[in-house]
PDB file of N, CA and C in Angstrom:
ATOM      1  N   UNK A   1      89.052 112.839  92.911  1.00  0.00           N
ATOM      2  CA  UNK A   1      89.825 112.304  94.149  1.00  0.00           C
ATOM      3  C   UNK A   1      89.225 110.795  94.306  1.00  0.00           C
ATOM      4  N   UNK A   2      88.064 110.496  94.309  1.00  0.00           N
ATOM      5  CA  UNK A   2      87.351 109.013  94.147  1.00  0.00           C
ATOM      6  C   UNK A   2      87.954 108.091  92.983  1.00  0.00           C
ATOM      7  N   UNK A   3      87.876 109.045  91.740  1.00  0.00           N
ATOM      8  CA  UNK A   3      88.369 108.151  90.551  1.00  0.00           C
ATOM      9  C   UNK A   3      89.661 107.832  90.873  1.00  0.00           C
ATOM     10  N   UNK A   4      90.805 108.865  91.102  1.00  0.00           N
ATOM     11  CA  UNK A   4      91.979 108.762  91.584  1.00  0.00           C
ATOM     12  C   UNK A   4      92.210 107.376  92.154  1.00  0.00           C
ATOM     13  N   UNK A   5      91.428 107.382  93.234  1.00  0.00           N
ATOM     14  CA  UNK A   5      91.453 106.183  94.369  1.00  0.00           C
ATOM     15  C   UNK A   5      91.277 104.828  93.515  1.00  0.00           C
ATOM     16  N   UNK A   6      90.270 104.771  92.808  1.00  0.00           N
ATOM     17  CA  UNK A   6      89.501 103.597  92.054  1.00  0.00           C
ATOM     18  C   UNK A   6      90.908 103.041  91.359  1.00  0.00           C
ATOM     19  N   UNK A   7      91.513 104.496  90.534  1.00  0.00           N
ATOM     20  CA  UNK A   7      92.281 103.676  89.658  1.00  0.00           C
ATOM     21  C   UNK A   7      93.553 103.356  90.692  1.00  0.00           C
ATOM     22  N   UNK A   8      93.968 103.683  91.626  1.00  0.00           N
ATOM     23  CA  UNK A   8      95.132 103.223  92.406  1.00  0.00           C
ATOM     24  C   UNK A   8      94.960 101.932  93.082  1.00  0.00           C
ATOM     25  N   UNK A   9      93.663 101.483  93.515  1.00  0.00           N
ATOM     26  CA  UNK A   9      93.101 100.190  93.858  1.00  0.00           C
ATOM     27  C   UNK A   9      93.413  99.257  92.872  1.00  0.00           C
ATOM     28  N   UNK A  10      92.837  99.664  91.501  1.00  0.00           N
ATOM     29  CA  UNK A  10      92.995  98.721  90.483  1.00  0.00           C
ATOM     30  C   UNK A  10      94.284  98.491  90.079  1.00  0.00           C
ATOM     31  N   UNK A  11      95.035  99.415  90.115  1.00  0.00           N
ATOM     32  CA  UNK A  11      96.500  99.251  89.580  1.00  0.00           C
ATOM     33  C   UNK A  11      97.212  98.307  90.600  1.00  0.00           C
ATOM     34  N   UNK A  12      96.879  98.606  91.852  1.00  0.00           N
ATOM     35  CA  UNK A  12      97.739  98.114  93.080  1.00  0.00           C
ATOM     36  C   UNK A  12      97.086  96.562  93.069  1.00  0.00           C
ATOM     37  N   UNK A  13      95.866  96.140  92.861  1.00  0.00           N
ATOM     38  CA  UNK A  13      95.194  94.753  92.631  1.00  0.00           C
ATOM     39  C   UNK A  13      96.272  94.224  91.741  1.00  0.00           C
ATOM     40  N   UNK A  14      96.538  94.431  90.641  1.00  0.00           N
ATOM     41  CA  UNK A  14      97.168  94.013  89.368  1.00  0.00           C
ATOM     42  C   UNK A  14      98.383  93.637  89.571  1.00  0.00           C
ATOM     43  N   UNK A  15      99.385  94.881  90.474  1.00  0.00           N
ATOM     44  CA  UNK A  15     100.340  94.556  90.756  1.00  0.00           C
ATOM     45  C   UNK A  15     100.331  93.496  91.685  1.00  0.00           C
ATOM     46  N   UNK A  16      99.476  93.384  92.519  1.00  0.00           N
ATOM     47  CA  UNK A  16      99.786  92.391  93.441  1.00  0.00           C
ATOM     48  C   UNK A  16      99.609  91.119  93.035  1.00  0.00           C
ATOM     49  N   UNK A  17      98.873  90.997  92.033  1.00  0.00           N
ATOM     50  CA  UNK A  17      98.410  89.819  91.292  1.00  0.00           C
ATOM     51  C   UNK A  17      99.674  89.107  90.483  1.00  0.00           C
ATOM     52  N   UNK A  18     100.794  90.359  90.069  1.00  0.00           N
ATOM     53  CA  UNK A  18     102.077  89.546  89.224  1.00  0.00           C
ATOM     54  C   UNK A  18     102.790  88.290  90.347  1.00  0.00           C
ATOM     55  N   UNK A  19     102.770  87.215  89.593  1.00  0.00           N
ATOM     56  CA  UNK A  19     103.417  86.081  90.292  1.00  0.00           C
ATOM     57  C   UNK A  19     102.744  85.579  90.943  1.00  0.00           C
ATOM     58  N   UNK A  20     101.085  85.470  90.719  1.00  0.00           N
ATOM     59  CA  UNK A  20     100.285  84.607  91.359  1.00  0.00           C
ATOM     60  C   UNK A  20      99.776  83.315  90.607  1.00  0.00           C
ATOM     61  N   UNK A  21     100.380  83.445  89.543  1.00  0.00           N
ATOM     62  CA  UNK A  21     100.006  81.918  88.629  1.00  0.00           C
ATOM     63  C   UNK A  21     100.586  80.738  89.555  1.00  0.00           C
ATOM     64  N   UNK A  22      99.902  79.784  89.327  1.00  0.00           N
ATOM     65  CA  UNK A  22     100.353  78.701  90.179  1.00  0.00           C
ATOM     66  C   UNK A  22     100.298  77.378  89.035  1.00  0.00           C
ATOM     67  N   UNK A  23     100.749  76.348  89.788  1.00  0.00           N
ATOM     68  CA  UNK A  23     100.681  75.124  88.455  1.00  0.00           C
ATOM     69  C   UNK A  23      99.223  75.241  87.969  1.00  0.00           C
ATOM     70  N   UNK A  24      99.254  74.799  86.833  1.00  0.00           N
ATOM     71  CA  UNK A  24      97.895  74.453  85.945  1.00  0.00           C
ATOM     72  C   UNK A  24      97.431  75.732  85.446  1.00  0.00           C
ATOM     73  N   UNK A  25      98.569  76.983  85.579  1.00  0.00           N
ATOM     74  CA  UNK A  25      98.048  78.449  84.960  1.00  0.00           C
ATOM     75  C   UNK A  25      96.883  78.861  85.519  1.00  0.00           C
ATOM     76  N   UNK A  26      96.570  78.525  86.971  1.00  0.00           N
ATOM     77  CA  UNK A  26      95.478  79.080  87.909  1.00  0.00           C
ATOM     78  C   UNK A  26      95.814  80.285  88.607  1.00  0.00           C
ATOM     79  N   UNK A  27      94.810  81.439  88.695  1.00  0.00           N
ATOM     80  CA  UNK A  27      95.285  82.437  89.537  1.00  0.00           C
ATOM     81  C   UNK A  27      94.293  82.646  90.635  1.00  0.00           C
ATOM     82  N   UNK A  28      94.646  83.010  91.742  1.00  0.00           N
ATOM     83  CA  UNK A  28      93.735  83.465  92.851  1.00  0.00           C
ATOM     84  C   UNK A  28      93.466  84.844  93.028  1.00  0.00           C
ATOM     85  N   UNK A  29      92.271  85.223  92.859  1.00  0.00           N
ATOM     86  CA  UNK A  29      92.308  86.983  92.994  1.00  0.00           C
ATOM     87  C   UNK A  29      91.639  86.990  94.167  1.00  0.00           C
ATOM     88  N   UNK A  30      92.230  87.861  95.279  1.00  0.00           N
ATOM     89  CA  UNK A  30      91.625  88.281  96.352  1.00  0.00           C
ATOM     90  C   UNK A  30      91.053  89.360  96.415  1.00  0.00           C
ATOM     91  N   UNK A  31      89.737  89.592  96.358  1.00  0.00           N
ATOM     92  CA  UNK A  31      88.809  90.583  96.785  1.00  0.00           C
ATOM     93  C   UNK A  31      88.629  91.001  97.738  1.00  0.00           C
ATOM     94  N   UNK A  32      89.179  90.631  98.964  1.00  0.00           N
ATOM     95  CA  UNK A  32      89.060  91.137 100.299  1.00  0.00           C
ATOM     96  C   UNK A  32      89.010  92.867 100.231  1.00  0.00           C
ATOM     97  N   UNK A  33      87.831  93.486 101.026  1.00  0.00           N
ATOM     98  CA  UNK A  33      87.765  94.774 101.203  1.00  0.00           C
ATOM     99  C   UNK A  33      87.425  95.836  99.886  1.00  0.00           C
ATOM    100  N   UNK A  34      86.885  94.974  98.844  1.00  0.00           N
ATOM    101  CA  UNK A  34      86.468  95.228  97.692  1.00  0.00           C
ATOM    102  C   UNK A  34      84.811  95.936  97.943  1.00  0.00           C
ATOM    103  N   UNK A  35      84.422  97.227  97.835  1.00  0.00           N
ATOM    104  CA  UNK A  35      83.296  97.483  98.158  1.00  0.00           C
ATOM    105  C   UNK A  35      82.515  97.777  96.911  1.00  0.00           C
ATOM    106  N   UNK A  36      81.109  97.594  97.151  1.00  0.00           N
ATOM    107  CA  UNK A  36      80.064  97.633  96.047  1.00  0.00           C
ATOM    108  C   UNK A  36      78.812  98.368  96.902  1.00  0.00           C
ATOM    109  N   UNK A  37      78.738  99.651  96.219  1.00  0.00           N
ATOM    110  CA  UNK A  37      77.913 100.553  96.936  1.00  0.00           C
ATOM    111  C   UNK A  37      76.535 101.011  95.819  1.00  0.00           C
ATOM    112  N   UNK A  38      76.327 100.420  94.794  1.00  0.00           N
ATOM    113  CA  UNK A  38      75.358 100.835  93.827  1.00  0.00           C
ATOM    114  C   UNK A  38      75.253  99.964  93.038  1.00  0.00           C
ATOM    115  N   UNK A  39      74.272 100.193  91.800  1.00  0.00           N
ATOM    116  CA  UNK A  39      73.977  98.921  90.998  1.00  0.00           C
ATOM    117  C   UNK A  39      75.493  98.859  90.032  1.00  0.00           C
ATOM    118  N   UNK A  40      75.184  97.745  89.449  1.00  0.00           N
ATOM    119  CA  UNK A  40      76.137  97.668  88.588  1.00  0.00           C
ATOM    120  C   UNK A  40      76.471  98.695  87.444  1.00  0.00           C
ATOM    121  N   UNK A  41      77.866  99.229  87.427  1.00  0.00           N
ATOM    122  CA  UNK A  41      78.126 100.151  86.682  1.00  0.00           C
ATOM    123  C   UNK A  41      78.479 101.469  87.537  1.00  0.00           C
ATOM    124  N   UNK A  42      77.869 101.450  88.640  1.00  0.00           N
ATOM    125  CA  UNK A  42      77.951 102.528  89.449  1.00  0.00           C
ATOM    126  C   UNK A  42      79.124 103.243  89.374  1.00  0.00           C
ATOM    127  N   UNK A  43      79.353 104.480  89.391  1.00  0.00           N
ATOM    128  CA  UNK A  43      80.951 105.254  89.553  1.00  0.00           C
ATOM    129  C   UNK A  43      81.136 104.999  91.446  1.00  0.00           C
ATOM    130  N   UNK A  44      80.578 104.592  92.013  1.00  0.00           N
ATOM    131  CA  UNK A  44      80.837 104.300  93.713  1.00  0.00           C
ATOM    132  C   UNK A  44      81.413 102.901  93.675  1.00  0.00           C
ATOM    133  N   UNK A  45      81.338 101.895  92.909  1.00  0.00           N
ATOM    134  CA  UNK A  45      81.540 100.765  93.072  1.00  0.00           C
ATOM    135  C   UNK A  45      82.987 100.718  92.828  1.00  0.00           C
ATOM    136  N   UNK A  46      83.904  99.810  93.377  1.00  0.00           N
ATOM    137  CA  UNK A  46      85.392  99.800  93.128  1.00  0.00           C
ATOM    138  C   UNK A  46      85.513  98.428  92.247  1.00  0.00           C
ATOM    139  N   UNK A  47      86.571  98.262  91.696  1.00  0.00           N
ATOM    140  CA  UNK A  47      86.852  97.455  90.848  1.00  0.00           C
ATOM    141  C   UNK A  47      88.085  96.896  90.673  1.00  0.00           C
ATOM    142  N   UNK A  48      88.469  95.452  90.079  1.00  0.00           N
ATOM    143  CA  UNK A  48      89.885  95.290  89.729  1.00  0.00           C
ATOM    144  C   UNK A  48      89.741  94.851  88.361  1.00  0.00           C
ATOM    145  N   UNK A  49      90.872  95.374  87.969  1.00  0.00           N
ATOM    146  CA  UNK A  49      91.091  94.731  86.437  1.00  0.00           C
ATOM    147  C   UNK A  49      92.267  93.804  86.539  1.00  0.00           C
ATOM    148  N   UNK A  50      92.031  92.487  85.948  1.00  0.00           N
ATOM    149  CA  UNK A  50      93.244  91.400  85.959  1.00  0.00           C
ATOM    150  C   UNK A  50      93.168  91.151  84.544  1.00  0.00           C
ATOM    151  N   UNK A  51      94.524  91.179  84.041  1.00  0.00           N
ATOM    152  CA  UNK A  51      94.757  91.093  82.289  1.00  0.00           C
ATOM    153  C   UNK A  51      95.267  89.566  82.300  1.00  0.00           C
ATOM    154  N   UNK A  52      94.647  88.765  81.617  1.00  0.00           N
ATOM    155  CA  UNK A  52      95.306  87.563  81.309  1.00  0.00           C
ATOM    156  C   UNK A  52      95.909  87.135  80.378  1.00  0.00           C
ATOM    157  N   UNK A  53      96.327  88.109  79.461  1.00  0.00           N
ATOM    158  CA  UNK A  53      97.144  87.892  78.390  1.00  0.00           C
ATOM    159  C   UNK A  53      96.740  87.614  77.071  1.00  0.00           C
ATOM    160  N   UNK A  54      97.133  87.906  75.677  1.00  0.00           N
ATOM    161  CA  UNK A  54      96.789  87.575  74.659  1.00  0.00           C
ATOM    162  C   UNK A  54      96.703  86.277  74.533  1.00  0.00           C
ATOM    163  N   UNK A  55      95.119  85.968  73.981  1.00  0.00           N
ATOM    164  CA  UNK A  55      95.097  84.468  73.341  1.00  0.00           C
ATOM    165  C   UNK A  55      94.865  83.491  74.560  1.00  0.00           C
ATOM    166  N   UNK A  56      94.680  84.213  75.634  1.00  0.00           N
ATOM    167  CA  UNK A  56      94.366  83.051  77.116  1.00  0.00           C
ATOM    168  C   UNK A  56      92.888  82.938  76.915  1.00  0.00           C
ATOM    169  N   UNK A  57      92.326  81.934  77.564  1.00  0.00           N
ATOM    170  CA  UNK A  57      91.079  81.638  77.467  1.00  0.00           C
ATOM    171  C   UNK A  57      90.581  81.341  79.127  1.00  0.00           C
ATOM    172  N   UNK A  58      89.664  81.620  79.628  1.00  0.00           N
ATOM    173  CA  UNK A  58      89.133  81.746  80.870  1.00  0.00           C
ATOM    174  C   UNK A  58      87.769  80.508  80.833  1.00  0.00           C
ATOM    175  N   UNK A  59      88.490  79.332  81.238  1.00  0.00           N
ATOM    176  CA  UNK A  59      87.749  77.868  80.955  1.00  0.00           C
ATOM    177  C   UNK A  59      86.641  77.973  82.548  1.00  0.00           C
ATOM    178  N   UNK A  60      87.295  78.324  83.573  1.00  0.00           N
ATOM    179  CA  UNK A  60      86.409  78.229  84.925  1.00  0.00           C
ATOM    180  C   UNK A  60      86.508  79.498  85.834  1.00  0.00           C
ATOM    181  N   UNK A  61      85.650  79.715  86.522  1.00  0.00           N
ATOM    182  CA  UNK A  61      85.343  80.553  87.566  1.00  0.00           C
ATOM    183  C   UNK A  61      84.602  80.068  88.648  1.00  0.00           C
ATOM    184  N   UNK A  62      85.463  79.778  89.762  1.00  0.00           N
ATOM    185  CA  UNK A  62      84.960  79.097  91.271  1.00  0.00           C
ATOM    186  C   UNK A  62      85.367  80.699  92.179  1.00  0.00           C
ATOM    187  N   UNK A  63      84.639  80.433  93.271  1.00  0.00           N
ATOM    188  CA  UNK A  63      84.662  81.443  94.288  1.00  0.00           C
ATOM    189  C   UNK A  63      84.577  80.953  95.593  1.00  0.00           C
ATOM    190  N   UNK A  64      84.897  81.781  96.858  1.00  0.00           N
ATOM    191  CA  UNK A  64      84.727  81.546  97.848  1.00  0.00           C
ATOM    192  C   UNK A  64      84.504  82.555  98.829  1.00  0.00           C
ATOM    193  N   UNK A  65      83.582  83.086  98.797  1.00  0.00           N
ATOM    194  CA  UNK A  65      83.287  84.693  99.069  1.00  0.00           C
ATOM    195  C   UNK A  65      82.413  84.627 100.486  1.00  0.00           C
ATOM    196  N   UNK A  66      82.789  85.764 101.396  1.00  0.00           N
ATOM    197  CA  UNK A  66      82.039  86.052 102.441  1.00  0.00           C
ATOM    198  C   UNK A  66      81.696  87.558 102.051  1.00  0.00           C
ATOM    199  N   UNK A  67      80.254  87.442 102.509  1.00  0.00           N
ATOM    200  CA  UNK A  67      79.337  88.558 102.162  1.00  0.00           C
ATOM    201  C   UNK A  67      78.698  89.605 103.194  1.00  0.00           C
ATOM    202  N   UNK A  68      78.626  90.488 103.123  1.00  0.00           N
ATOM    203  CA  UNK A  68      78.070  91.369 104.393  1.00  0.00           C
ATOM    204  C   UNK A  68      77.245  92.387 103.700  1.00  0.00           C
ATOM    205  N   UNK A  69      76.001  92.640 103.787  1.00  0.00           N
ATOM    206  CA  UNK A  69      75.300  93.390 103.042  1.00  0.00           C
ATOM    207  C   UNK A  69      75.080  94.574 104.285  1.00  0.00           C
ATOM    208  N   UNK A  70      74.890  95.838 103.860  1.00  0.00           N
ATOM    209  CA  UNK A  70      74.657  96.869 104.677  1.00  0.00           C
ATOM    210  C   UNK A  70      73.162  97.796 104.382  1.00  0.00           C
ATOM    211  N   UNK A  71      72.587  98.235 105.166  1.00  0.00           N
ATOM    212  CA  UNK A  71      71.251  98.723 105.073  1.00  0.00           C
ATOM    213  C   UNK A  71      70.284  97.648 104.722  1.00  0.00           C
ATOM    214  N   UNK A  72      69.350  98.083 103.433  1.00  0.00           N
ATOM    215  CA  UNK A  72      68.670  97.589 102.958  1.00  0.00           C
ATOM    216  C   UNK A  72      68.883  96.504 101.923  1.00  0.00           C
ATOM    217  N   UNK A  73      70.234  96.465 101.623  1.00  0.00           N
ATOM    218  CA  UNK A  73      70.672  95.682 100.600  1.00  0.00           C
ATOM    219  C   UNK A  73      70.619  94.168 100.825  1.00  0.00           C
ATOM    220  N   UNK A  74      70.251  93.363  99.773  1.00  0.00           N
ATOM    221  CA  UNK A  74      70.227  91.907 100.103  1.00  0.00           C
ATOM    222  C   UNK A  74      71.179  91.170  99.443  1.00  0.00           C
ATOM    223  N   UNK A  75      71.667  90.059  99.905  1.00  0.00           N
ATOM    224  CA  UNK A  75      72.961  89.166  99.362  1.00  0.00           C
ATOM    225  C   UNK A  75      72.869  89.064  97.752  1.00  0.00           C
ATOM    226  N   UNK A  76      71.926  88.711  97.200  1.00  0.00           N
ATOM    227  CA  UNK A  76      71.554  88.366  95.597  1.00  0.00           C
ATOM    228  C   UNK A  76      71.700  89.713  95.151  1.00  0.00           C
ATOM    229  N   UNK A  77      71.977  90.903  95.309  1.00  0.00           N
ATOM    230  CA  UNK A  77      71.867  91.904  94.594  1.00  0.00           C
ATOM    231  C   UNK A  77      73.584  92.242  94.315  1.00  0.00           C
ATOM    232  N   UNK A  78      74.381  91.111  94.893  1.00  0.00           N
ATOM    233  CA  UNK A  78      76.191  91.429  94.331  1.00  0.00           C
ATOM    234  C   UNK A  78      76.134  90.498  93.319  1.00  0.00           C
ATOM    235  N   UNK A  79      77.123  91.188  92.276  1.00  0.00           N
ATOM    236  CA  UNK A  79      77.223  90.638  90.970  1.00  0.00           C
ATOM    237  C   UNK A  79      78.693  90.764  90.650  1.00  0.00           C
ATOM    238  N   UNK A  80      79.405  89.774  90.359  1.00  0.00           N
ATOM    239  CA  UNK A  80      80.823  90.119  89.340  1.00  0.00           C
ATOM    240  C   UNK A  80      80.604  90.050  88.070  1.00  0.00           C
ATOM    241  N   UNK A  81      81.227  90.735  87.449  1.00  0.00           N
ATOM    242  CA  UNK A  81      80.963  90.833  85.943  1.00  0.00           C
ATOM    243  C   UNK A  81      82.169  90.516  85.354  1.00  0.00           C
ATOM    244  N   UNK A  82      82.381  89.889  84.183  1.00  0.00           N
ATOM    245  CA  UNK A  82      83.792  89.564  83.699  1.00  0.00           C
ATOM    246  C   UNK A  82      83.864  90.158  82.187  1.00  0.00           C
ATOM    247  N   UNK A  83      84.779  90.683  81.815  1.00  0.00           N
ATOM    248  CA  UNK A  83      84.868  91.209  80.563  1.00  0.00           C
ATOM    249  C   UNK A  83      83.866  91.941  80.303  1.00  0.00           C
ATOM    250  N   UNK A  84      82.902  92.665  80.916  1.00  0.00           N
ATOM    251  CA  UNK A  84      81.610  93.609  80.434  1.00  0.00           C
ATOM    252  C   UNK A  84      80.654  92.609  80.043  1.00  0.00           C
ATOM    253  N   UNK A  85      80.762  91.452  80.133  1.00  0.00           N
ATOM    254  CA  UNK A  85      79.668  90.714  79.397  1.00  0.00           C
ATOM    255  C   UNK A  85      79.237  89.389  80.567  1.00  0.00           C
ATOM    256  N   UNK A  86      80.110  88.955  81.050  1.00  0.00           N
ATOM    257  CA  UNK A  86      79.566  87.874  81.894  1.00  0.00           C
ATOM    258  C   UNK A  86      79.312  87.797  83.216  1.00  0.00           C
ATOM    259  N   UNK A  87      78.505  87.513  83.907  1.00  0.00           N
ATOM    260  CA  UNK A  87      78.028  87.870  85.338  1.00  0.00           C
ATOM    261  C   UNK A  87      78.183  86.768  85.903  1.00  0.00           C
ATOM    262  N   UNK A  88      78.268  86.841  87.355  1.00  0.00           N
ATOM    263  CA  UNK A  88      77.896  85.742  88.146  1.00  0.00           C
ATOM    264  C   UNK A  88      77.194  86.518  89.474  1.00  0.00           C
ATOM    265  N   UNK A  89      76.067  85.824  89.838  1.00  0.00           N
ATOM    266  CA  UNK A  89      75.418  86.367  91.222  1.00  0.00           C
ATOM    267  C   UNK A  89      75.752  85.239  92.561  1.00  0.00           C
ATOM    268  N   UNK A  90      76.758  85.404  93.205  1.00  0.00           N
ATOM    269  CA  UNK A  90      77.271  84.628  93.926  1.00  0.00           C
ATOM    270  C   UNK A  90      76.186  84.142  94.941  1.00  0.00           C
ATOM    271  N   UNK A  91      75.162  84.949  95.222  1.00  0.00           N
ATOM    272  CA  UNK A  91      74.193  84.855  96.321  1.00  0.00           C
ATOM    273  C   UNK A  91      72.791  84.624  95.704  1.00  0.00           C
ATOM    274  N   UNK A  92      72.607  84.103  94.273  1.00  0.00           N
ATOM    275  CA  UNK A  92      71.836  84.144  93.782  1.00  0.00           C
ATOM    276  C   UNK A  92      70.483  83.406  94.710  1.00  0.00           C
ATOM    277  N   UNK A  93      69.452  83.914  94.453  1.00  0.00           N
ATOM    278  CA  UNK A  93      67.973  83.882  95.294  1.00  0.00           C
ATOM    279  C   UNK A  93      68.025  84.314  97.024  1.00  0.00           C
ATOM    280  N   UNK A  94      69.203  84.745  97.304  1.00  0.00           N
ATOM    281  CA  UNK A  94      69.098  85.010  98.703  1.00  0.00           C
ATOM    282  C   UNK A  94      68.692  86.528  98.819  1.00  0.00           C
ATOM    283  N   UNK A  95      67.294  86.948  99.061  1.00  0.00           N
ATOM    284  CA  UNK A  95      66.818  88.012  98.878  1.00  0.00           C
ATOM    285  C   UNK A  95      66.619  88.701 100.428  1.00  0.00           C
ATOM    286  N   UNK A  96      67.915  88.760 101.158  1.00  0.00           N
ATOM    287  CA  UNK A  96      67.775  88.949 102.379  1.00  0.00           C
ATOM    288  C   UNK A  96      69.140  89.463 103.101  1.00  0.00           C
ATOM    289  N   UNK A  97      68.988  90.124 103.945  1.00  0.00           N
ATOM    290  CA  UNK A  97      70.643  90.842 104.387  1.00  0.00           C
ATOM    291  C   UNK A  97      71.193  89.615 104.810  1.00  0.00           C
ATOM    292  N   UNK A  98      72.490  89.748 104.948  1.00  0.00           N
ATOM    293  CA  UNK A  98      73.723  88.615 105.363  1.00  0.00           C
ATOM    294  C   UNK A  98      74.716  89.499 106.161  1.00  0.00           C
ATOM    295  N   UNK A  99      75.314  88.604 106.945  1.00  0.00           N
ATOM    296  CA  UNK A  99      76.508  89.222 107.656  1.00  0.00           C
ATOM    297  C   UNK A  99      77.536  88.147 107.581  1.00  0.00           C
ATOM    298  N   UNK A 100      78.732  88.579 106.870  1.00  0.00           N
ATOM    299  CA  UNK A 100      79.515  87.265 106.954  1.00  0.00           C
ATOM    300  C   UNK A 100      79.276  85.928 106.762  1.00  0.00           C
ATOM    301  N   UNK A 101      78.376  86.069 105.319  1.00  0.00           N
ATOM    302  CA  UNK A 101      77.709  84.953 105.034  1.00  0.00           C
ATOM    303  C   UNK A 101      78.813  84.427 103.770  1.00  0.00           C
ATOM    304  N   UNK A 102      79.044  82.984 103.875  1.00  0.00           N
ATOM    305  CA  UNK A 102      80.088  82.364 103.064  1.00  0.00           C
ATOM    306  C   UNK A 102      79.429  81.835 101.778  1.00  0.00           C
ATOM    307  N   UNK A 103      79.734  81.944 100.347  1.00  0.00           N
ATOM    308  CA  UNK A 103      79.424  81.471  99.231  1.00  0.00           C
ATOM    309  C   UNK A 103      80.139  80.789  98.709  1.00  0.00           C
TER     310      UNK A 103
END
């Protein structure tokens, strides 16, 4: 059931992205409501797949993230990984809990 929900979230997110390309071939990916419950790769984490097309190059990654941690989680534990290889830690060094902190 949980796996089915994750696949649905991923497919819905990709479908929602159709037509989001703007001038300069930029896209904005809305990650509102995406939850992270465990370490990187944990089956409970939600994910979004975005296909950029054959021959495409990603030359810049920027973010505007509001982050809230729960329990004993720290802000610097949140990581976004691209293509299973490149990772971005939006709150690097913030070893404390946060509530709606903007990065």
